[in-house]
N, C-alpha and C. Protein backbone atom coordinates (compact mmCIF):
# COMPACT_ATOMS: atom_id res chain seq x y z
N MET A 1 169.26 -119.14 147.59
CA MET A 1 168.21 -118.55 146.86
C MET A 1 167.61 -117.72 148.37
N LEU A 2 167.51 -116.19 147.96
CA LEU A 2 166.92 -115.59 148.96
C LEU A 2 165.22 -115.72 148.85
N GLY A 3 164.81 -115.79 150.01
CA GLY A 3 163.41 -115.88 150.00
C GLY A 3 162.85 -117.39 150.26
N GLY A 4 163.77 -118.23 150.21
CA GLY A 4 163.24 -119.64 150.28
C GLY A 4 163.37 -120.34 149.23
N ASP A 5 162.68 -121.47 149.13
CA ASP A 5 162.48 -122.64 148.29
C ASP A 5 161.93 -122.04 146.94
N ILE A 6 162.26 -122.54 145.94
CA ILE A 6 161.10 -122.04 144.63
C ILE A 6 160.11 -122.50 144.80
N VAL A 7 158.99 -122.01 144.30
CA VAL A 7 157.51 -122.41 144.53
C VAL A 7 157.32 -122.82 143.16
N THR A 8 157.76 -121.97 142.00
CA THR A 8 157.42 -122.62 140.55
C THR A 8 158.50 -121.57 139.67
N SER A 9 158.14 -122.27 138.61
CA SER A 9 158.91 -121.15 137.90
C SER A 9 158.12 -121.60 136.25
N LEU A 10 158.10 -120.83 135.26
CA LEU A 10 157.32 -121.42 134.00
C LEU A 10 157.76 -122.48 133.74
N MET A 11 158.81 -123.12 133.83
CA MET A 11 159.66 -124.50 133.44
C MET A 11 158.60 -125.42 134.02
N MET A 12 157.98 -125.54 135.29
CA MET A 12 157.57 -126.38 135.97
C MET A 12 156.27 -126.35 136.14
N LEU A 13 155.64 -126.96 135.04
CA LEU A 13 154.27 -127.21 134.80
C LEU A 13 153.13 -128.23 135.37
N ILE A 14 154.07 -129.32 135.81
CA ILE A 14 153.14 -130.19 136.29
C ILE A 14 152.45 -129.63 137.50
N SER A 15 151.26 -129.91 137.57
CA SER A 15 150.31 -129.57 138.48
C SER A 15 150.38 -128.20 138.88
N ILE A 16 150.99 -127.42 137.98
CA ILE A 16 150.71 -125.68 137.76
C ILE A 16 149.95 -125.46 136.50
N ALA A 17 149.08 -124.48 136.73
CA ALA A 17 148.39 -124.17 135.69
C ALA A 17 148.78 -122.88 135.36
N LEU A 18 149.06 -122.47 134.14
CA LEU A 18 149.25 -121.07 133.44
C LEU A 18 147.95 -120.48 132.73
N HIS A 19 147.61 -119.23 133.17
CA HIS A 19 146.66 -118.84 132.27
C HIS A 19 146.96 -117.11 131.95
N THR A 20 146.39 -116.50 131.14
CA THR A 20 146.66 -115.20 130.38
C THR A 20 145.24 -114.33 130.47
N SER A 21 145.60 -113.14 130.57
CA SER A 21 144.37 -112.42 130.41
C SER A 21 143.54 -112.85 129.07
N SER A 22 144.03 -113.40 128.27
CA SER A 22 143.05 -113.49 126.71
C SER A 22 142.36 -114.92 126.83
N GLY A 23 142.73 -115.61 128.26
CA GLY A 23 142.06 -116.93 128.34
C GLY A 23 142.65 -118.28 127.94
N PHE A 24 144.17 -117.94 127.40
CA PHE A 24 144.98 -119.11 127.10
C PHE A 24 145.28 -120.06 128.42
N LYS A 25 145.01 -121.09 128.53
CA LYS A 25 145.61 -122.20 129.26
C LYS A 25 146.53 -123.17 129.04
N GLY A 26 147.87 -123.71 129.28
CA GLY A 26 148.58 -124.71 128.70
C GLY A 26 150.06 -124.38 128.46
N ALA A 27 150.88 -124.84 127.47
CA ALA A 27 152.02 -124.66 127.78
C ALA A 27 152.28 -123.87 126.26
N TYR A 28 151.78 -124.07 125.25
CA TYR A 28 151.89 -123.13 124.01
C TYR A 28 150.66 -122.53 123.44
N ALA A 29 150.93 -121.18 122.79
CA ALA A 29 149.86 -120.74 122.09
C ALA A 29 150.31 -119.47 121.74
N THR A 30 149.47 -119.05 120.52
CA THR A 30 149.21 -117.65 120.08
C THR A 30 147.81 -117.43 120.34
N THR A 31 147.47 -116.32 120.87
CA THR A 31 146.00 -116.29 120.96
C THR A 31 145.76 -114.77 120.36
N LEU A 32 144.23 -114.18 120.13
CA LEU A 32 144.09 -113.23 120.13
C LEU A 32 144.92 -112.03 120.58
N HIS A 33 145.17 -112.14 122.22
CA HIS A 33 145.82 -111.09 123.10
C HIS A 33 146.88 -111.40 123.53
N ALA A 34 147.54 -112.36 123.41
CA ALA A 34 148.91 -112.75 124.00
C ALA A 34 149.43 -113.83 123.26
N THR A 35 150.68 -113.77 123.47
CA THR A 35 151.67 -114.95 122.81
C THR A 35 152.52 -115.25 123.83
N LEU A 36 152.25 -117.00 123.83
CA LEU A 36 153.35 -117.35 124.71
C LEU A 36 154.36 -118.09 123.60
N ILE A 37 155.62 -117.72 124.02
CA ILE A 37 156.84 -118.35 122.82
C ILE A 37 157.78 -119.51 123.66
N LEU A 38 157.21 -120.41 123.08
CA LEU A 38 157.83 -121.81 124.05
C LEU A 38 158.13 -121.58 125.54
N ILE A 39 157.08 -121.45 126.24
CA ILE A 39 156.81 -121.39 127.40
C ILE A 39 157.57 -122.20 128.33
N THR A 40 157.95 -123.68 127.57
CA THR A 40 158.74 -124.64 128.26
C THR A 40 160.35 -124.17 128.51
N TYR A 41 160.78 -122.98 127.71
CA TYR A 41 161.95 -122.77 127.53
C TYR A 41 162.11 -121.25 128.67
N GLU A 42 161.47 -120.77 129.29
CA GLU A 42 161.54 -119.36 129.84
C GLU A 42 161.79 -119.12 131.09
N LYS A 43 162.63 -120.05 131.41
CA LYS A 43 163.04 -120.06 133.00
C LYS A 43 164.16 -119.01 132.95
N ILE A 44 163.99 -118.20 134.39
CA ILE A 44 165.02 -117.38 134.02
C ILE A 44 166.48 -117.81 134.05
N ARG A 45 167.38 -116.89 133.80
CA ARG A 45 169.10 -117.07 133.58
C ARG A 45 169.29 -118.14 132.46
N GLN A 46 168.13 -118.42 131.65
CA GLN A 46 168.34 -119.41 130.40
C GLN A 46 167.93 -118.74 129.21
N ASP A 47 168.48 -118.90 128.04
CA ASP A 47 168.25 -118.48 126.93
C ASP A 47 167.87 -119.25 125.81
N LYS A 48 167.10 -120.40 126.02
CA LYS A 48 166.80 -121.38 124.96
C LYS A 48 165.24 -120.92 124.21
N ASN A 49 165.59 -120.64 122.78
CA ASN A 49 164.73 -120.60 121.79
C ASN A 49 164.13 -119.08 122.21
N GLY A 50 164.76 -118.32 122.76
CA GLY A 50 164.07 -116.87 123.36
C GLY A 50 162.62 -116.80 123.81
N GLY A 51 162.24 -117.95 124.85
CA GLY A 51 161.10 -118.00 125.13
C GLY A 51 160.41 -117.04 126.11
N ALA A 52 159.61 -116.54 126.19
CA ALA A 52 158.51 -115.17 127.41
C ALA A 52 157.44 -115.78 127.09
N TRP A 53 156.62 -114.89 128.03
CA TRP A 53 155.61 -114.49 127.93
C TRP A 53 155.46 -112.87 127.35
N CYS A 54 154.79 -113.06 126.01
CA CYS A 54 154.83 -111.28 125.32
C CYS A 54 153.00 -110.96 125.08
N PRO A 55 152.42 -110.32 125.89
CA PRO A 55 150.90 -109.57 125.65
C PRO A 55 151.26 -109.18 124.47
N ARG A 56 150.17 -109.55 123.58
CA ARG A 56 150.20 -109.05 122.14
C ARG A 56 150.00 -107.39 122.30
N PRO A 57 149.01 -106.88 122.99
CA PRO A 57 148.89 -105.38 122.83
C PRO A 57 150.02 -104.61 123.39
N GLY A 58 150.18 -103.49 122.91
CA GLY A 58 151.19 -102.46 123.63
C GLY A 58 150.94 -102.38 125.28
N ILE A 59 151.94 -102.43 126.16
CA ILE A 59 151.24 -102.26 127.67
C ILE A 59 151.43 -100.61 128.05
N GLU A 60 150.54 -99.91 128.36
CA GLU A 60 150.27 -98.65 128.84
C GLU A 60 149.57 -98.48 129.85
N LYS A 61 149.35 -97.33 130.72
CA LYS A 61 148.43 -97.03 131.72
C LYS A 61 147.05 -97.47 131.17
N GLY A 62 146.20 -98.47 131.98
CA GLY A 62 145.30 -98.64 131.87
C GLY A 62 145.08 -99.73 130.93
N VAL A 63 146.01 -100.20 130.35
CA VAL A 63 146.01 -101.81 129.86
C VAL A 63 146.36 -102.70 130.96
N LYS A 64 145.33 -103.76 131.02
CA LYS A 64 145.74 -104.84 132.00
C LYS A 64 145.87 -106.22 131.46
N GLU A 65 147.02 -106.45 130.92
CA GLU A 65 147.22 -107.78 130.61
C GLU A 65 148.11 -108.72 131.55
N TYR A 66 147.94 -110.07 131.81
CA TYR A 66 148.27 -110.67 132.80
C TYR A 66 148.91 -111.99 132.36
N LEU A 67 149.92 -112.43 133.30
CA LEU A 67 150.27 -113.86 133.36
C LEU A 67 149.81 -114.39 134.77
N GLU A 68 149.12 -115.49 134.99
CA GLU A 68 148.62 -116.03 135.99
C GLU A 68 149.07 -117.52 136.32
N ILE A 69 149.52 -117.55 137.44
CA ILE A 69 149.93 -118.94 137.97
C ILE A 69 149.22 -119.28 139.09
N ASP A 70 148.95 -120.71 138.83
CA ASP A 70 147.72 -121.27 139.61
C ASP A 70 148.38 -122.24 140.50
N PHE A 71 148.83 -122.11 141.70
CA PHE A 71 149.42 -123.16 142.47
C PHE A 71 148.65 -124.24 143.09
N VAL A 72 147.44 -124.19 142.91
CA VAL A 72 146.24 -125.36 143.10
C VAL A 72 146.41 -125.36 144.97
N ARG A 73 147.24 -124.90 145.66
CA ARG A 73 146.79 -124.84 147.04
C ARG A 73 147.83 -123.56 147.41
N GLU A 74 147.48 -123.27 148.84
CA GLU A 74 148.02 -121.97 149.09
C GLU A 74 149.36 -121.91 149.72
N HIS A 75 150.38 -121.09 149.00
CA HIS A 75 151.73 -120.82 149.49
C HIS A 75 151.87 -119.55 150.19
N ARG A 76 153.29 -119.58 150.73
CA ARG A 76 153.74 -118.33 151.30
C ARG A 76 154.66 -117.87 150.18
N ILE A 77 154.23 -116.65 149.92
CA ILE A 77 155.05 -116.43 148.66
C ILE A 77 156.10 -115.32 149.14
N THR A 78 157.57 -115.21 149.30
CA THR A 78 158.28 -114.27 149.70
C THR A 78 158.97 -113.62 148.65
N GLN A 79 159.01 -114.23 147.35
CA GLN A 79 159.84 -113.54 146.38
C GLN A 79 159.49 -113.63 145.30
N THR A 80 159.58 -112.62 144.34
CA THR A 80 159.36 -112.81 142.76
C THR A 80 161.11 -112.38 142.20
N GLU A 81 160.88 -113.19 141.00
CA GLU A 81 162.23 -112.69 140.02
C GLU A 81 161.54 -112.54 138.58
N THR A 82 162.18 -111.57 138.14
CA THR A 82 161.52 -111.41 136.44
C THR A 82 162.87 -111.14 135.66
N GLN A 83 162.37 -111.35 134.58
CA GLN A 83 163.53 -111.49 133.40
C GLN A 83 163.01 -110.92 132.03
N GLY A 84 163.67 -110.14 131.29
CA GLY A 84 162.92 -109.83 129.62
C GLY A 84 163.06 -111.53 128.84
N ARG A 85 162.95 -110.70 127.50
CA ARG A 85 163.06 -111.85 126.41
C ARG A 85 164.40 -111.28 125.75
N TYR A 86 165.73 -112.06 125.96
CA TYR A 86 166.79 -111.96 125.49
C TYR A 86 166.75 -112.28 124.18
N GLY A 87 166.54 -113.58 123.78
CA GLY A 87 166.19 -113.79 122.61
C GLY A 87 167.50 -114.15 121.76
N SER A 88 168.84 -114.47 122.38
CA SER A 88 169.87 -114.86 121.44
C SER A 88 170.40 -113.13 121.33
N GLY A 89 170.19 -112.38 122.13
CA GLY A 89 170.46 -110.64 121.87
C GLY A 89 169.45 -109.91 120.60
N MET A 90 168.62 -110.76 120.37
CA MET A 90 167.68 -110.30 119.36
C MET A 90 166.38 -109.53 120.09
N GLY A 91 166.29 -110.10 121.16
CA GLY A 91 164.92 -109.56 122.42
C GLY A 91 165.27 -108.34 122.60
N VAL A 92 164.28 -107.27 122.54
CA VAL A 92 164.37 -106.17 122.98
C VAL A 92 163.33 -105.74 124.25
N GLU A 93 162.72 -106.94 124.67
CA GLU A 93 161.39 -106.33 125.19
C GLU A 93 161.36 -107.01 126.74
N TYR A 94 161.13 -106.26 127.83
CA TYR A 94 161.19 -106.30 129.15
C TYR A 94 159.97 -105.18 129.86
N ALA A 95 159.80 -105.62 131.08
CA ALA A 95 158.92 -105.16 132.04
C ALA A 95 159.42 -104.16 132.80
N GLU A 96 159.54 -102.80 132.54
CA GLU A 96 160.27 -101.83 133.55
C GLU A 96 159.59 -101.94 134.94
N ASN A 97 158.34 -101.97 134.91
CA ASN A 97 157.47 -102.18 136.33
C ASN A 97 156.32 -103.05 136.31
N PHE A 98 155.99 -103.60 137.28
CA PHE A 98 154.65 -104.51 137.25
C PHE A 98 154.45 -104.47 138.41
N GLN A 99 152.81 -105.16 138.46
CA GLN A 99 152.09 -105.42 139.31
C GLN A 99 151.83 -106.58 140.08
N LEU A 100 151.47 -107.08 141.35
CA LEU A 100 150.91 -108.37 141.57
C LEU A 100 149.65 -108.48 142.00
N GLU A 101 148.85 -109.29 141.69
CA GLU A 101 147.46 -109.67 142.50
C GLU A 101 147.73 -110.93 142.67
N TYR A 102 146.88 -111.35 143.72
CA TYR A 102 147.04 -112.67 144.50
C TYR A 102 145.34 -113.20 144.78
N TRP A 103 145.75 -114.55 144.67
CA TRP A 103 144.21 -115.03 145.03
C TRP A 103 144.25 -115.74 146.35
N ARG A 104 143.79 -115.33 147.57
CA ARG A 104 143.58 -116.59 148.69
C ARG A 104 142.23 -116.72 148.83
N ASP A 105 142.02 -117.99 148.99
CA ASP A 105 140.57 -119.10 148.92
C ASP A 105 140.05 -118.27 149.69
N ALA A 106 140.34 -118.09 150.96
CA ALA A 106 139.55 -117.35 152.32
C ALA A 106 138.95 -115.87 152.00
N LEU A 107 139.66 -115.05 151.33
CA LEU A 107 139.08 -113.64 150.67
C LEU A 107 138.08 -114.07 149.45
N GLY A 108 138.45 -114.99 148.67
CA GLY A 108 137.65 -114.95 147.43
C GLY A 108 137.73 -114.16 146.40
N LYS A 109 138.54 -113.24 146.36
CA LYS A 109 138.86 -112.20 145.19
C LYS A 109 140.47 -112.09 144.96
N TRP A 110 140.44 -111.09 143.70
CA TRP A 110 141.82 -110.97 143.45
C TRP A 110 142.21 -109.80 144.32
N VAL A 111 143.37 -109.61 145.14
CA VAL A 111 143.88 -108.56 146.06
C VAL A 111 145.23 -107.93 145.41
N PRO A 112 145.18 -106.59 144.91
CA PRO A 112 146.35 -105.87 144.67
C PRO A 112 147.73 -106.12 145.81
N TYR A 113 148.74 -106.72 145.52
CA TYR A 113 149.57 -106.54 146.30
C TYR A 113 150.18 -104.93 146.78
N LYS A 114 150.30 -104.76 147.98
CA LYS A 114 150.96 -103.48 148.57
C LYS A 114 152.06 -103.99 149.20
N ASP A 115 153.58 -103.51 148.99
CA ASP A 115 154.37 -103.56 150.13
C ASP A 115 154.36 -102.57 151.12
N HIS A 116 155.17 -102.92 152.33
CA HIS A 116 155.09 -102.57 153.60
C HIS A 116 154.79 -100.97 153.86
N ILE A 117 154.95 -100.50 152.58
CA ILE A 117 155.03 -98.77 152.64
C ILE A 117 153.71 -98.24 151.89
N GLY A 118 153.00 -99.25 151.03
CA GLY A 118 151.79 -99.16 150.16
C GLY A 118 152.00 -98.80 149.00
N ARG A 119 153.33 -99.23 148.53
CA ARG A 119 153.34 -99.21 146.83
C ARG A 119 152.85 -100.42 146.05
N THR A 120 152.04 -100.18 144.92
CA THR A 120 151.48 -101.32 144.46
C THR A 120 152.36 -101.59 143.23
N ILE A 121 153.14 -100.71 142.63
CA ILE A 121 154.09 -100.81 141.61
C ILE A 121 155.35 -100.88 142.01
N LEU A 122 155.73 -102.68 141.18
CA LEU A 122 157.22 -103.04 141.92
C LEU A 122 158.13 -102.90 140.73
N LYS A 123 159.25 -102.43 141.25
CA LYS A 123 160.49 -102.68 139.89
C LYS A 123 160.50 -103.75 139.17
N GLY A 124 160.77 -103.72 138.13
CA GLY A 124 160.91 -104.82 136.81
C GLY A 124 162.40 -104.87 136.50
N ASN A 125 162.60 -104.76 135.12
CA ASN A 125 163.92 -104.89 134.62
C ASN A 125 164.35 -103.43 134.12
N VAL A 126 165.44 -103.60 133.63
CA VAL A 126 166.40 -102.37 133.01
C VAL A 126 166.79 -102.76 131.81
N ASN A 127 166.95 -103.95 131.57
CA ASN A 127 167.06 -104.55 130.45
C ASN A 127 166.38 -105.91 130.07
N THR A 128 166.80 -106.62 128.91
CA THR A 128 166.34 -107.99 128.69
C THR A 128 167.21 -109.08 129.19
N TYR A 129 168.47 -108.81 129.82
CA TYR A 129 169.09 -110.03 130.14
C TYR A 129 169.51 -110.16 131.74
N THR A 130 169.33 -109.08 132.11
CA THR A 130 169.48 -109.27 134.20
C THR A 130 168.48 -109.41 134.59
N GLU A 131 168.42 -110.30 135.39
CA GLU A 131 167.18 -110.63 136.15
C GLU A 131 166.81 -110.13 137.58
N ASN A 132 165.90 -109.59 137.83
CA ASN A 132 165.65 -108.63 138.98
C ASN A 132 164.85 -109.26 140.15
N GLN A 133 165.10 -109.55 141.15
CA GLN A 133 164.73 -110.35 142.35
C GLN A 133 163.94 -109.25 143.33
N GLN A 134 162.55 -109.58 143.52
CA GLN A 134 161.87 -108.51 144.35
C GLN A 134 161.39 -109.26 145.33
N GLN A 135 162.13 -109.00 146.63
CA GLN A 135 161.70 -109.27 147.98
C GLN A 135 160.10 -108.92 148.32
N LEU A 136 159.43 -109.95 148.65
CA LEU A 136 157.73 -109.14 148.98
C LEU A 136 157.67 -109.01 150.59
N ASN A 137 157.42 -107.65 150.94
CA ASN A 137 157.47 -107.34 152.35
C ASN A 137 156.31 -106.53 152.75
N PRO A 138 155.42 -107.08 152.92
CA PRO A 138 155.36 -108.54 153.70
C PRO A 138 154.75 -109.29 152.50
N PRO A 139 155.13 -111.02 153.13
CA PRO A 139 154.97 -111.71 151.86
C PRO A 139 153.51 -111.78 151.92
N ILE A 140 153.10 -113.08 150.87
CA ILE A 140 151.59 -113.06 150.68
C ILE A 140 151.38 -114.53 150.97
N ILE A 141 150.26 -114.94 151.27
CA ILE A 141 149.92 -116.38 151.15
C ILE A 141 148.81 -116.41 150.19
N ALA A 142 148.84 -117.16 149.23
CA ALA A 142 148.10 -116.97 147.92
C ALA A 142 148.06 -118.66 147.07
N SER A 143 146.86 -118.79 146.54
CA SER A 143 146.92 -120.11 145.51
C SER A 143 146.99 -119.65 144.30
N LYS A 144 146.89 -118.54 144.06
CA LYS A 144 147.23 -117.97 142.40
C LYS A 144 148.11 -116.42 142.49
N VAL A 145 148.74 -116.28 141.51
CA VAL A 145 149.38 -114.72 141.67
C VAL A 145 149.18 -114.35 140.06
N ARG A 146 149.22 -113.27 139.75
CA ARG A 146 149.14 -112.50 138.70
C ARG A 146 150.30 -111.47 138.36
N PHE A 147 151.10 -111.66 137.43
CA PHE A 147 152.27 -110.48 137.00
C PHE A 147 151.52 -109.85 135.89
N ILE A 148 151.59 -108.20 136.41
CA ILE A 148 150.60 -107.48 135.42
C ILE A 148 151.80 -106.53 134.87
N PRO A 149 152.48 -106.49 133.85
CA PRO A 149 153.20 -105.53 133.37
C PRO A 149 152.53 -103.91 133.19
N TYR A 150 153.25 -102.95 133.86
CA TYR A 150 152.92 -101.69 134.07
C TYR A 150 153.78 -100.59 133.39
N SER A 151 153.29 -99.65 132.80
CA SER A 151 154.06 -98.84 132.06
C SER A 151 153.17 -97.15 132.02
N LEU A 152 153.50 -96.52 132.11
CA LEU A 152 153.05 -95.16 131.80
C LEU A 152 152.87 -95.15 130.33
N HIS A 153 153.91 -95.48 129.25
CA HIS A 153 154.10 -95.26 128.04
C HIS A 153 154.16 -96.25 127.34
N ILE A 154 153.21 -96.53 126.17
CA ILE A 154 153.12 -97.68 125.55
C ILE A 154 154.49 -98.34 125.26
N ARG A 155 154.48 -99.55 125.42
CA ARG A 155 155.69 -100.51 125.06
C ARG A 155 155.24 -101.67 124.89
N THR A 156 156.13 -102.41 124.11
CA THR A 156 156.22 -103.80 123.90
C THR A 156 156.97 -104.63 125.08
N VAL A 157 156.31 -105.36 125.84
CA VAL A 157 156.81 -106.34 127.21
C VAL A 157 156.69 -107.89 126.92
N CYS A 158 158.16 -108.46 127.32
CA CYS A 158 157.86 -109.99 127.47
C CYS A 158 158.65 -110.17 128.94
N MET A 159 158.07 -111.35 129.41
CA MET A 159 158.54 -111.43 130.68
C MET A 159 158.86 -112.82 130.95
N ARG A 160 159.93 -113.23 131.91
CA ARG A 160 159.95 -114.48 132.43
C ARG A 160 160.15 -114.55 133.86
N VAL A 161 159.07 -115.36 134.65
CA VAL A 161 159.02 -114.90 135.89
C VAL A 161 159.25 -116.61 136.73
N GLU A 162 159.91 -116.34 138.02
CA GLU A 162 159.59 -117.26 138.97
C GLU A 162 159.18 -116.67 140.39
N VAL A 163 158.89 -117.53 141.36
CA VAL A 163 158.26 -117.01 142.49
C VAL A 163 158.78 -118.09 143.28
N TYR A 164 159.13 -117.41 144.64
CA TYR A 164 159.73 -118.10 145.48
C TYR A 164 158.92 -118.21 146.94
N GLY A 165 159.06 -119.20 147.64
CA GLY A 165 158.15 -119.61 148.93
C GLY A 165 158.26 -120.94 149.24
N CYS A 166 157.21 -121.03 150.18
CA CYS A 166 156.76 -122.37 150.50
C CYS A 166 155.54 -122.75 150.99
N ASN A 167 155.19 -123.91 150.81
CA ASN A 167 153.64 -124.51 151.23
C ASN A 167 153.32 -123.86 152.54
N PHE A 168 152.10 -123.25 152.29
CA PHE A 168 151.55 -122.70 153.62
C PHE A 168 150.56 -124.26 154.35
N THR A 169 151.02 -124.00 155.60
CA THR A 169 150.81 -124.88 156.30
C THR A 169 149.55 -124.21 157.39
N GLY A 170 149.24 -123.02 157.37
CA GLY A 170 148.17 -122.55 158.19
C GLY A 170 148.88 -121.87 159.69
N LYS A 171 150.03 -122.08 159.65
CA LYS A 171 150.74 -121.29 160.72
C LYS A 171 151.50 -120.26 160.62
């Protein structure tokens, strides 16, 4: 694996809290603004029951929907991986681009991730089935991260995500 050990994926819900921009917390839901389709099946490179996080409103510039992962304690995060909703060939939803925000307890606020040349928009996927690994340069220290789909034109988006890194020991 590039970037270290896997910190979490949406399959690993023990001690990891998931939240959406519409306030959902937990493993399954249909809410006013977001739909989680069988979240326990949305591991990257698996296509069980078409699972993925799908915000209900179309994503476009100015719309901020997010999938938040709470690691409970701080981790050094070195890489993300995203994939769309393949759904046995029936899914057509994926995020072409996304932004990351992270929470570091010492900062006490959400911080937009910027790469080493100042970009805040990260490359997402080009289709529903190919996973995209995004090396974070610089890596981040965070107890929570938010995946925020981004698009200049209105589109339906679904995402499966994984985050790679290790526990942060303060060094």
